[in-house]
C-alpha atoms as a PDB file:
ATOM      1  CA  MET A   1      11.799   9.656   0.396  1.00  0.00           C
ATOM      2  CA  LEU A   2       9.050  11.163   2.493  1.00  0.00           C
ATOM      3  CA  ARG A   3       7.061  14.052   1.037  1.00  0.00           C
ATOM      4  CA  SER A   4       5.801  15.491   4.303  1.00  0.00           C
ATOM      5  CA  ARG A   5       7.469  18.565   5.746  1.00  0.00           C
ATOM      6  CA  ARG A   6       5.912  18.694   9.225  1.00  0.00           C
ATOM      7  CA  ALA A   7       6.596  16.196  12.007  1.00  0.00           C
ATOM      8  CA  ASP A   8       2.940  15.218  12.432  1.00  0.00           C
ATOM      9  CA  LEU A   9       2.568  14.612   8.707  1.00  0.00           C
ATOM     10  CA  VAL A  10       5.784  12.568   8.612  1.00  0.00           C
ATOM     11  CA  GLU A  11       4.347  10.348  11.331  1.00  0.00           C
ATOM     12  CA  GLN A  12       1.083   9.986   9.402  1.00  0.00           C
ATOM     13  CA  GLU A  13       2.966   9.134   6.209  1.00  0.00           C
ATOM     14  CA  LEU A  14       5.055   6.495   7.984  1.00  0.00           C
ATOM     15  CA  TYR A  15       1.922   4.861   9.392  1.00  0.00           C
ATOM     16  CA  GLY A  16       0.436   4.873   5.889  1.00  0.00           C
ATOM     17  CA  LEU A  17       3.522   3.192   4.448  1.00  0.00           C
ATOM     18  CA  LEU A  18       3.483   0.570   7.208  1.00  0.00           C
ATOM     19  CA  LEU A  19      -0.197  -0.157   6.547  1.00  0.00           C
ATOM     20  CA  VAL A  20       0.453  -0.575   2.825  1.00  0.00           C
ATOM     21  CA  HIS A  21       3.373  -2.896   3.581  1.00  0.00           C
ATOM     22  CA  PHE A  22       1.183  -4.981   5.900  1.00  0.00           C
ATOM     23  CA  ALA A  23      -1.632  -5.122   3.317  1.00  0.00           C
ATOM     24  CA  LEU A  24       0.742  -6.257   0.564  1.00  0.00           C
ATOM     25  CA  ARG A  25       2.256  -8.935   2.792  1.00  0.00           C
ATOM     26  CA  ARG A  26      -1.240 -10.145   3.671  1.00  0.00           C
ATOM     27  CA  LEU A  27      -2.137 -10.258  -0.026  1.00  0.00           C
ATOM     28  CA  MET A  28       1.036 -12.222  -0.741  1.00  0.00           C
ATOM     29  CA  HIS A  29       0.233 -14.655   2.077  1.00  0.00           C
ATOM     30  CA  GLU A  30      -3.275 -15.269   0.716  1.00  0.00           C
ATOM     31  CA  ALA A  31      -1.916 -15.735  -2.812  1.00  0.00           C
ATOM     32  CA  SER A  32       0.657 -18.261  -1.594  1.00  0.00           C
ATOM     33  CA  GLN A  33      -2.014 -20.238   0.253  1.00  0.00           C
ATOM     34  CA  ARG A  34      -4.190 -20.391  -2.871  1.00  0.00           C
ATOM     35  CA  ALA A  35      -1.226 -21.474  -4.970  1.00  0.00           C
ATOM     36  CA  GLY A  36      -0.044 -23.954  -2.348  1.00  0.00           C
ATOM     37  CA  CYS A  37       3.475 -22.537  -2.105  1.00  0.00           C
ATOM     38  CA  ASP A  38       5.697 -21.026   0.564  1.00  0.00           C
ATOM     39  CA  PRO A  39       5.064 -17.262   1.050  1.00  0.00           C
ATOM     40  CA  ASP A  40       8.824 -16.690   1.326  1.00  0.00           C
ATOM     41  CA  ARG A  41       9.203 -17.674  -2.317  1.00  0.00           C
ATOM     42  CA  LEU A  42       7.134 -14.683  -3.497  1.00  0.00           C
ATOM     43  CA  SER A  43       8.807 -11.397  -4.404  1.00  0.00           C
ATOM     44  CA  PHE A  44       7.676  -8.273  -2.549  1.00  0.00           C
ATOM     45  CA  VAL A  45       8.896  -6.044  -5.392  1.00  0.00           C
ATOM     46  CA  HIS A  46       6.928  -8.088  -7.902  1.00  0.00           C
ATOM     47  CA  ALA A  47       3.809  -7.791  -5.722  1.00  0.00           C
ATOM     48  CA  VAL A  48       4.256  -3.994  -5.584  1.00  0.00           C
ATOM     49  CA  ARG A  49       4.517  -3.852  -9.374  1.00  0.00           C
ATOM     50  CA  ILE A  50       1.376  -5.944  -9.825  1.00  0.00           C
ATOM     51  CA  VAL A  51      -0.630  -3.799  -7.399  1.00  0.00           C
ATOM     52  CA  ARG A  52       0.588  -0.559  -9.011  1.00  0.00           C
ATOM     53  CA  ARG A  53      -0.386  -1.889 -12.424  1.00  0.00           C
ATOM     54  CA  HIS A  54      -3.897  -2.959 -11.335  1.00  0.00           C
ATOM     55  CA  LEU A  55      -4.732  -0.268  -8.770  1.00  0.00           C
ATOM     56  CA  PRO A  56      -6.227   2.262 -11.246  1.00  0.00           C
ATOM     57  CA  PHE A  57      -8.844  -0.328 -12.251  1.00  0.00           C
ATOM     58  CA  HIS A  58     -10.054  -0.706  -8.648  1.00  0.00           C
ATOM     59  CA  ALA A  59     -10.227   2.933  -7.557  1.00  0.00           C
ATOM     60  CA  ALA A  60     -13.965   3.383  -7.097  1.00  0.00           C
ATOM     61  CA  PHE A  61     -14.067   6.865  -5.596  1.00  0.00           C
ATOM     62  CA  SER A  62     -12.410  10.246  -5.831  1.00  0.00           C
ATOM     63  CA  PRO A  63     -10.708  11.637  -2.765  1.00  0.00           C
ATOM     64  CA  SER A  64     -12.696  14.332  -1.018  1.00  0.00           C
ATOM     65  CA  ALA A  65     -11.528  17.911  -1.175  1.00  0.00           C
ATOM     66  CA  THR A  66      -9.495  19.045   1.809  1.00  0.00           C
ATOM     67  CA  PRO A  67     -11.098  21.759   3.923  1.00  0.00           C
ATOM     68  CA  ALA A  68      -9.553  25.213   3.719  1.00  0.00           C
ATOM     69  CA  HIS A  69      -7.602  26.249   6.820  1.00  0.00           C
ATOM     70  CA  GLY A  70      -7.985  29.778   7.883  1.00  0.00           C
END
């Protein structure tokens, strides 16, 4: 489910989701090459779970505050 309520934000959110999907697939491809196995044998859902579990340890910065509109 998309959280955005405006058309331009929906488009931005979709691009973000596509970029995350591409990054995870790239990560899976690199992992399969290191392990010497076929990338098709890796689970996308499992990769998502691993990244979600380890992501808080790699967040090195806080997001900047959004500017006030007005």
